[in-house]
Amino acid sequence: MKIIIYTLGKPKNTQMSELIENYLKKIQHFCSLEWHSLRDSRHSDPVKRIEEEALLITSKIDKTAPVLVLDEKGATYTSMELSTMIDKWEGGAIKKVQWVIGGSHGLPETFKKKYPGFSLSTLTLTHEMALLFLAEQLYRAYTLSRNIPYHH
């Protein structure tokens, strides 16, 4: 299975970047992974910025593969449930799963309604933290499903 993660902008904090890269590299022991850091909009109007960024993400998404949008109001899952979800995807006909992390102003409601929301926390996270937490949870899910010591 292939995992594709779309984000807007690259992490500005070098320590955060190193942590993210570390987890993304670890995940690649289990599956194919691509991280697409798209250029965030420079528009000063937050509404127009959100619209531009949603259009950019939409232009990159593979319409034939599932898309999950990180959103604090999305469905919540335990690490074990995410692990089971990945196992089901890998055991089924799903060849690719796409994750989307919005920019600093988020994503439009229409985008959130079109794709299922996935919450890492009910707290609002920076997109850098969301990417780090997603990468860590994906790695944790793979280690859980393969009984590799990491979870405890």
N, C-alpha and C. Protein backbone atom coordinates (compact mmCIF):
# COMPACT_ATOMS: atom_id res chain seq x y z
N MET A 1 0.84 -1.18 0.00
CA MET A 1 0.00 0.00 0.00
C MET A 1 0.89 1.25 0.00
N LYS A 2 0.36 2.29 -0.56
CA LYS A 2 1.07 3.57 -0.60
C LYS A 2 0.31 4.59 0.23
N ILE A 3 1.04 5.33 1.04
CA ILE A 3 0.47 6.43 1.81
C ILE A 3 1.02 7.72 1.22
N ILE A 4 0.11 8.65 0.95
CA ILE A 4 0.51 9.97 0.46
C ILE A 4 -0.01 10.99 1.46
N ILE A 5 0.88 11.87 1.89
CA ILE A 5 0.51 12.93 2.83
C ILE A 5 0.70 14.27 2.12
N TYR A 6 -0.37 15.06 2.11
CA TYR A 6 -0.32 16.41 1.53
C TYR A 6 -0.35 17.43 2.67
N THR A 7 0.62 18.33 2.67
CA THR A 7 0.62 19.43 3.62
C THR A 7 0.84 20.73 2.86
N LEU A 8 0.58 21.83 3.53
CA LEU A 8 0.84 23.15 2.95
C LEU A 8 2.02 23.77 3.67
N GLY A 9 3.06 24.05 2.95
CA GLY A 9 4.26 24.60 3.54
C GLY A 9 5.10 23.54 4.22
N LYS A 10 6.36 23.83 4.38
CA LYS A 10 7.29 22.93 5.08
C LYS A 10 7.46 23.40 6.51
N PRO A 11 7.75 22.47 7.41
CA PRO A 11 8.02 22.89 8.80
C PRO A 11 9.17 23.88 8.84
N LYS A 12 9.00 24.92 9.63
CA LYS A 12 10.03 25.95 9.73
C LYS A 12 11.03 25.63 10.85
N ASN A 13 10.62 24.86 11.81
CA ASN A 13 11.47 24.47 12.94
C ASN A 13 12.31 23.27 12.53
N THR A 14 13.63 23.42 12.56
CA THR A 14 14.51 22.34 12.09
C THR A 14 14.42 21.10 12.97
N GLN A 15 14.24 21.28 14.27
CA GLN A 15 14.11 20.11 15.16
C GLN A 15 12.83 19.35 14.84
N MET A 16 11.77 20.08 14.58
CA MET A 16 10.50 19.45 14.21
C MET A 16 10.66 18.71 12.89
N SER A 17 11.34 19.33 11.93
CA SER A 17 11.59 18.69 10.63
C SER A 17 12.34 17.38 10.78
N GLU A 18 13.33 17.38 11.64
CA GLU A 18 14.11 16.15 11.87
C GLU A 18 13.25 15.04 12.45
N LEU A 19 12.41 15.38 13.40
CA LEU A 19 11.51 14.38 13.99
C LEU A 19 10.55 13.82 12.94
N ILE A 20 9.97 14.71 12.15
CA ILE A 20 9.04 14.30 11.10
C ILE A 20 9.75 13.38 10.11
N GLU A 21 10.89 13.81 9.63
CA GLU A 21 11.65 13.01 8.65
C GLU A 21 12.01 11.64 9.23
N ASN A 22 12.36 11.59 10.50
CA ASN A 22 12.70 10.34 11.16
C ASN A 22 11.52 9.36 11.11
N TYR A 23 10.33 9.83 11.47
CA TYR A 23 9.16 8.94 11.44
C TYR A 23 8.77 8.57 10.01
N LEU A 24 8.84 9.51 9.09
CA LEU A 24 8.49 9.20 7.71
C LEU A 24 9.44 8.14 7.14
N LYS A 25 10.71 8.21 7.50
CA LYS A 25 11.67 7.22 7.05
C LYS A 25 11.35 5.85 7.65
N LYS A 26 10.98 5.83 8.93
CA LYS A 26 10.63 4.56 9.60
C LYS A 26 9.41 3.91 8.97
N ILE A 27 8.43 4.71 8.59
CA ILE A 27 7.20 4.18 7.98
C ILE A 27 7.52 3.47 6.68
N GLN A 28 8.52 3.96 5.96
CA GLN A 28 8.86 3.39 4.65
C GLN A 28 9.41 1.97 4.75
N HIS A 29 9.67 1.48 5.95
CA HIS A 29 10.03 0.06 6.13
C HIS A 29 8.81 -0.83 5.94
N PHE A 30 7.61 -0.23 6.05
CA PHE A 30 6.36 -0.98 6.00
C PHE A 30 5.54 -0.75 4.74
N CYS A 31 5.69 0.41 4.14
CA CYS A 31 4.88 0.75 2.96
C CYS A 31 5.59 1.82 2.15
N SER A 32 5.06 2.05 0.98
CA SER A 32 5.54 3.16 0.16
C SER A 32 4.92 4.44 0.71
N LEU A 33 5.70 5.50 0.79
CA LEU A 33 5.20 6.74 1.36
C LEU A 33 5.71 7.93 0.57
N GLU A 34 4.81 8.87 0.33
CA GLU A 34 5.18 10.14 -0.30
C GLU A 34 4.65 11.27 0.56
N TRP A 35 5.47 12.29 0.75
CA TRP A 35 5.05 13.49 1.44
C TRP A 35 5.16 14.63 0.44
N HIS A 36 4.02 15.25 0.15
CA HIS A 36 3.99 16.38 -0.77
C HIS A 36 3.73 17.65 0.03
N SER A 37 4.75 18.46 0.16
CA SER A 37 4.63 19.73 0.84
C SER A 37 4.32 20.79 -0.22
N LEU A 38 3.07 21.18 -0.27
CA LEU A 38 2.62 22.12 -1.30
C LEU A 38 2.83 23.56 -0.83
N ARG A 39 2.98 24.44 -1.78
CA ARG A 39 3.21 25.84 -1.44
C ARG A 39 1.92 26.45 -0.89
N ASP A 40 2.02 27.01 0.30
CA ASP A 40 0.83 27.62 0.89
C ASP A 40 0.55 28.96 0.22
N SER A 41 -0.71 29.34 0.25
CA SER A 41 -1.13 30.59 -0.39
C SER A 41 -0.54 31.78 0.35
N ARG A 42 -0.24 32.81 -0.37
CA ARG A 42 0.28 34.05 0.22
C ARG A 42 -0.82 35.12 0.28
N HIS A 43 -2.03 34.73 -0.06
CA HIS A 43 -3.14 35.69 -0.07
C HIS A 43 -3.36 36.24 1.34
N SER A 44 -3.58 37.53 1.45
CA SER A 44 -3.77 38.15 2.77
C SER A 44 -5.17 37.91 3.34
N ASP A 45 -6.15 37.67 2.48
CA ASP A 45 -7.52 37.41 2.93
C ASP A 45 -7.62 35.93 3.31
N PRO A 46 -7.91 35.61 4.58
CA PRO A 46 -7.96 34.22 5.02
C PRO A 46 -8.95 33.35 4.24
N VAL A 47 -10.09 33.90 3.85
CA VAL A 47 -11.08 33.13 3.10
C VAL A 47 -10.53 32.75 1.73
N LYS A 48 -9.94 33.72 1.05
CA LYS A 48 -9.36 33.45 -0.27
C LYS A 48 -8.16 32.50 -0.15
N ARG A 49 -7.41 32.66 0.92
CA ARG A 49 -6.26 31.78 1.17
C ARG A 49 -6.72 30.33 1.30
N ILE A 50 -7.75 30.10 2.10
CA ILE A 50 -8.29 28.75 2.30
C ILE A 50 -8.78 28.18 0.97
N GLU A 51 -9.48 29.00 0.19
CA GLU A 51 -10.00 28.54 -1.11
C GLU A 51 -8.87 28.16 -2.06
N GLU A 52 -7.84 29.00 -2.14
CA GLU A 52 -6.70 28.72 -3.02
C GLU A 52 -6.00 27.42 -2.62
N GLU A 53 -5.79 27.26 -1.32
CA GLU A 53 -5.10 26.06 -0.84
C GLU A 53 -5.93 24.80 -1.08
N ALA A 54 -7.24 24.91 -0.90
CA ALA A 54 -8.11 23.76 -1.16
C ALA A 54 -8.08 23.39 -2.63
N LEU A 55 -8.06 24.38 -3.52
CA LEU A 55 -7.98 24.10 -4.96
C LEU A 55 -6.66 23.42 -5.30
N LEU A 56 -5.58 23.88 -4.70
CA LEU A 56 -4.27 23.28 -4.95
C LEU A 56 -4.26 21.82 -4.49
N ILE A 57 -4.75 21.56 -3.30
CA ILE A 57 -4.78 20.18 -2.79
C ILE A 57 -5.66 19.32 -3.69
N THR A 58 -6.83 19.84 -4.04
CA THR A 58 -7.77 19.09 -4.88
C THR A 58 -7.13 18.73 -6.22
N SER A 59 -6.31 19.61 -6.76
CA SER A 59 -5.66 19.33 -8.05
C SER A 59 -4.64 18.20 -7.94
N LYS A 60 -4.15 17.94 -6.75
CA LYS A 60 -3.13 16.90 -6.55
C LYS A 60 -3.72 15.54 -6.16
N ILE A 61 -4.90 15.55 -5.57
CA ILE A 61 -5.50 14.33 -5.04
C ILE A 61 -5.88 13.37 -6.16
N ASP A 62 -5.59 12.10 -5.92
CA ASP A 62 -6.02 11.03 -6.82
C ASP A 62 -7.48 10.72 -6.48
N LYS A 63 -8.37 11.00 -7.42
CA LYS A 63 -9.81 10.86 -7.17
C LYS A 63 -10.25 9.40 -6.98
N THR A 64 -9.37 8.45 -7.32
CA THR A 64 -9.73 7.04 -7.21
C THR A 64 -9.30 6.43 -5.87
N ALA A 65 -8.59 7.19 -5.05
CA ALA A 65 -8.09 6.66 -3.78
C ALA A 65 -8.72 7.40 -2.60
N PRO A 66 -8.88 6.70 -1.47
CA PRO A 66 -9.47 7.35 -0.29
C PRO A 66 -8.65 8.55 0.19
N VAL A 67 -9.36 9.53 0.73
CA VAL A 67 -8.75 10.74 1.26
C VAL A 67 -9.25 10.92 2.69
N LEU A 68 -8.35 11.16 3.61
CA LEU A 68 -8.69 11.47 4.99
C LEU A 68 -8.13 12.85 5.31
N VAL A 69 -8.97 13.69 5.89
CA VAL A 69 -8.59 15.06 6.20
C VAL A 69 -8.40 15.18 7.71
N LEU A 70 -7.24 15.65 8.12
CA LEU A 70 -7.04 15.86 9.55
C LEU A 70 -7.86 17.08 9.97
N ASP A 71 -8.66 16.87 11.02
CA ASP A 71 -9.57 17.91 11.49
C ASP A 71 -9.89 17.62 12.94
N GLU A 72 -9.75 18.62 13.81
CA GLU A 72 -10.03 18.39 15.23
C GLU A 72 -11.47 17.99 15.50
N LYS A 73 -12.36 18.23 14.53
CA LYS A 73 -13.76 17.84 14.68
C LYS A 73 -14.06 16.51 13.98
N GLY A 74 -13.04 15.87 13.43
CA GLY A 74 -13.22 14.60 12.73
C GLY A 74 -13.41 13.44 13.70
N ALA A 75 -13.57 12.26 13.15
CA ALA A 75 -13.74 11.05 13.96
C ALA A 75 -12.44 10.76 14.71
N THR A 76 -12.59 10.23 15.91
CA THR A 76 -11.42 9.90 16.72
C THR A 76 -11.21 8.39 16.72
N TYR A 77 -9.96 7.99 16.79
CA TYR A 77 -9.59 6.59 16.77
C TYR A 77 -8.47 6.37 17.77
N THR A 78 -8.41 5.17 18.32
CA THR A 78 -7.27 4.80 19.14
C THR A 78 -6.14 4.35 18.21
N SER A 79 -4.96 4.20 18.76
CA SER A 79 -3.85 3.70 17.96
C SER A 79 -4.14 2.29 17.44
N MET A 80 -4.78 1.47 18.27
CA MET A 80 -5.13 0.11 17.84
C MET A 80 -6.16 0.14 16.70
N GLU A 81 -7.11 1.05 16.78
CA GLU A 81 -8.11 1.17 15.71
C GLU A 81 -7.47 1.63 14.41
N LEU A 82 -6.52 2.54 14.49
CA LEU A 82 -5.82 2.96 13.28
C LEU A 82 -5.02 1.80 12.71
N SER A 83 -4.40 1.02 13.56
CA SER A 83 -3.65 -0.16 13.12
C SER A 83 -4.57 -1.14 12.39
N THR A 84 -5.73 -1.39 12.96
CA THR A 84 -6.71 -2.28 12.35
C THR A 84 -7.20 -1.72 11.01
N MET A 85 -7.41 -0.42 10.96
CA MET A 85 -7.84 0.24 9.73
C MET A 85 -6.80 0.03 8.62
N ILE A 86 -5.54 0.22 8.95
CA ILE A 86 -4.47 0.03 7.97
C ILE A 86 -4.41 -1.43 7.52
N ASP A 87 -4.56 -2.36 8.46
CA ASP A 87 -4.57 -3.78 8.11
C ASP A 87 -5.69 -4.09 7.12
N LYS A 88 -6.87 -3.50 7.35
CA LYS A 88 -8.01 -3.72 6.44
C LYS A 88 -7.73 -3.13 5.07
N TRP A 89 -7.14 -1.95 5.03
CA TRP A 89 -6.80 -1.35 3.75
C TRP A 89 -5.82 -2.23 2.99
N GLU A 90 -4.79 -2.70 3.71
CA GLU A 90 -3.77 -3.53 3.06
C GLU A 90 -4.34 -4.87 2.61
N GLY A 91 -5.30 -5.40 3.37
CA GLY A 91 -5.89 -6.69 3.01
C GLY A 91 -6.96 -6.58 1.94
N GLY A 92 -7.43 -5.39 1.69
CA GLY A 92 -8.48 -5.17 0.69
C GLY A 92 -7.89 -4.69 -0.61
N ALA A 93 -8.73 -4.07 -1.38
CA ALA A 93 -8.33 -3.62 -2.71
C ALA A 93 -7.73 -2.21 -2.70
N ILE A 94 -7.58 -1.63 -1.53
CA ILE A 94 -7.06 -0.26 -1.46
C ILE A 94 -5.55 -0.27 -1.63
N LYS A 95 -5.11 0.40 -2.66
CA LYS A 95 -3.68 0.45 -2.99
C LYS A 95 -3.01 1.73 -2.49
N LYS A 96 -3.85 2.76 -2.24
CA LYS A 96 -3.32 4.07 -1.90
C LYS A 96 -4.29 4.77 -0.95
N VAL A 97 -3.73 5.41 0.08
CA VAL A 97 -4.53 6.22 1.01
C VAL A 97 -3.86 7.59 1.10
N GLN A 98 -4.68 8.64 1.01
CA GLN A 98 -4.16 10.01 1.01
C GLN A 98 -4.61 10.73 2.27
N TRP A 99 -3.68 11.38 2.92
CA TRP A 99 -3.94 12.17 4.12
C TRP A 99 -3.72 13.64 3.77
N VAL A 100 -4.60 14.51 4.26
CA VAL A 100 -4.49 15.94 3.98
C VAL A 100 -4.44 16.71 5.29
N ILE A 101 -3.44 17.57 5.40
CA ILE A 101 -3.32 18.48 6.54
C ILE A 101 -3.43 19.89 5.98
N GLY A 102 -4.43 20.62 6.41
CA GLY A 102 -4.65 21.97 5.91
C GLY A 102 -3.59 22.95 6.37
N GLY A 103 -3.66 24.13 5.84
CA GLY A 103 -2.71 25.19 6.19
C GLY A 103 -3.08 25.86 7.50
N SER A 104 -2.44 26.98 7.76
CA SER A 104 -2.62 27.68 9.04
C SER A 104 -4.05 28.18 9.25
N HIS A 105 -4.80 28.36 8.18
CA HIS A 105 -6.20 28.80 8.30
C HIS A 105 -7.19 27.65 8.10
N GLY A 106 -6.67 26.44 7.94
CA GLY A 106 -7.55 25.28 7.81
C GLY A 106 -8.01 25.05 6.38
N LEU A 107 -9.11 24.30 6.28
CA LEU A 107 -9.70 23.96 4.99
C LEU A 107 -11.16 24.40 4.98
N PRO A 108 -11.72 24.66 3.79
CA PRO A 108 -13.12 25.08 3.74
C PRO A 108 -14.07 23.96 4.18
N GLU A 109 -15.22 24.33 4.68
CA GLU A 109 -16.21 23.35 5.14
C GLU A 109 -16.62 22.40 4.02
N THR A 110 -16.70 22.90 2.79
CA THR A 110 -17.09 22.04 1.67
C THR A 110 -16.08 20.90 1.48
N PHE A 111 -14.82 21.20 1.70
CA PHE A 111 -13.75 20.21 1.59
C PHE A 111 -13.90 19.17 2.70
N LYS A 112 -14.17 19.65 3.91
CA LYS A 112 -14.33 18.76 5.06
C LYS A 112 -15.55 17.86 4.91
N LYS A 113 -16.59 18.37 4.24
CA LYS A 113 -17.80 17.56 4.03
C LYS A 113 -17.58 16.50 2.96
N LYS A 114 -16.73 16.80 2.00
CA LYS A 114 -16.49 15.88 0.89
C LYS A 114 -15.65 14.68 1.31
N TYR A 115 -14.69 14.92 2.23
CA TYR A 115 -13.77 13.86 2.65
C TYR A 115 -13.92 13.61 4.14
N PRO A 116 -13.76 12.34 4.56
CA PRO A 116 -13.91 12.04 5.99
C PRO A 116 -12.84 12.74 6.83
N GLY A 117 -13.27 13.24 7.97
CA GLY A 117 -12.36 13.88 8.91
C GLY A 117 -11.76 12.86 9.86
N PHE A 118 -10.51 13.06 10.20
CA PHE A 118 -9.77 12.20 11.11
C PHE A 118 -9.13 13.10 12.15
N SER A 119 -9.47 12.90 13.41
CA SER A 119 -8.95 13.77 14.46
C SER A 119 -7.81 13.09 15.21
N LEU A 120 -6.70 13.78 15.30
CA LEU A 120 -5.59 13.32 16.14
C LEU A 120 -5.79 13.81 17.57
N SER A 121 -6.57 14.88 17.72
CA SER A 121 -6.82 15.48 19.02
C SER A 121 -7.96 16.48 18.86
N THR A 122 -8.69 16.71 19.93
CA THR A 122 -9.71 17.76 19.87
C THR A 122 -9.07 19.14 20.03
N LEU A 123 -7.80 19.15 20.37
CA LEU A 123 -7.06 20.41 20.44
C LEU A 123 -6.71 20.87 19.04
N THR A 124 -6.57 22.16 18.85
CA THR A 124 -6.09 22.68 17.59
C THR A 124 -4.57 22.56 17.59
N LEU A 125 -4.03 21.96 16.53
CA LEU A 125 -2.60 21.75 16.41
C LEU A 125 -2.05 22.57 15.25
N THR A 126 -0.80 22.99 15.36
CA THR A 126 -0.17 23.58 14.19
C THR A 126 -0.05 22.49 13.14
N HIS A 127 0.05 22.88 11.87
CA HIS A 127 0.15 21.83 10.85
C HIS A 127 1.46 21.05 10.98
N GLU A 128 2.49 21.68 11.53
CA GLU A 128 3.73 20.96 11.79
C GLU A 128 3.53 19.87 12.84
N MET A 129 2.85 20.22 13.93
CA MET A 129 2.58 19.23 14.99
C MET A 129 1.66 18.14 14.47
N ALA A 130 0.66 18.52 13.68
CA ALA A 130 -0.25 17.52 13.13
C ALA A 130 0.51 16.52 12.26
N LEU A 131 1.44 17.00 11.45
CA LEU A 131 2.23 16.10 10.61
C LEU A 131 3.09 15.18 11.47
N LEU A 132 3.72 15.71 12.49
CA LEU A 132 4.54 14.89 13.39
C LEU A 132 3.68 13.83 14.07
N PHE A 133 2.53 14.23 14.61
CA PHE A 133 1.66 13.28 15.30
C PHE A 133 1.11 12.23 14.34
N LEU A 134 0.74 12.64 13.13
CA LEU A 134 0.26 11.67 12.14
C LEU A 134 1.36 10.67 11.80
N ALA A 135 2.57 11.16 11.54
CA ALA A 135 3.68 10.27 11.20
C ALA A 135 3.96 9.30 12.34
N GLU A 136 3.96 9.81 13.57
CA GLU A 136 4.20 8.93 14.72
C GLU A 136 3.10 7.89 14.86
N GLN A 137 1.86 8.30 14.68
CA GLN A 137 0.74 7.36 14.82
C GLN A 137 0.71 6.32 13.69
N LEU A 138 1.08 6.72 12.49
CA LEU A 138 1.17 5.74 11.40
C LEU A 138 2.27 4.73 11.70
N TYR A 139 3.40 5.21 12.17
CA TYR A 139 4.49 4.29 12.53
C TYR A 139 4.04 3.36 13.66
N ARG A 140 3.41 3.91 14.67
CA ARG A 140 2.92 3.11 15.79
C ARG A 140 1.92 2.06 15.29
N ALA A 141 1.03 2.45 14.40
CA ALA A 141 0.03 1.51 13.86
C ALA A 141 0.70 0.34 13.16
N TYR A 142 1.72 0.63 12.37
CA TYR A 142 2.43 -0.45 11.68
C TYR A 142 3.16 -1.37 12.66
N THR A 143 3.77 -0.79 13.69
CA THR A 143 4.47 -1.65 14.65
C THR A 143 3.47 -2.50 15.43
N LEU A 144 2.32 -1.95 15.74
CA LEU A 144 1.29 -2.73 16.44
C LEU A 144 0.82 -3.91 15.60
N SER A 145 0.55 -3.66 14.33
CA SER A 145 0.01 -4.73 13.48
C SER A 145 1.05 -5.81 13.19
N ARG A 146 2.31 -5.48 13.36
CA ARG A 146 3.38 -6.46 13.08
C ARG A 146 4.06 -6.96 14.36
N ASN A 147 3.46 -6.61 15.50
CA ASN A 147 3.98 -7.04 16.81
C ASN A 147 5.45 -6.67 17.01
N ILE A 148 5.81 -5.48 16.57
CA ILE A 148 7.17 -4.98 16.76
C ILE A 148 7.16 -4.10 18.02
N PRO A 149 8.06 -4.36 18.96
CA PRO A 149 8.06 -3.55 20.20
C PRO A 149 8.23 -2.06 19.90
N TYR A 150 7.29 -1.28 20.36
CA TYR A 150 7.35 0.18 20.28
C TYR A 150 6.21 0.75 21.11
N HIS A 151 5.05 0.10 21.04
CA HIS A 151 3.82 0.64 21.64
C HIS A 151 3.94 0.86 23.13
N HIS A 152 4.62 -0.01 23.84
CA HIS A 152 4.69 0.13 25.31
C HIS A 152 6.10 0.34 25.76
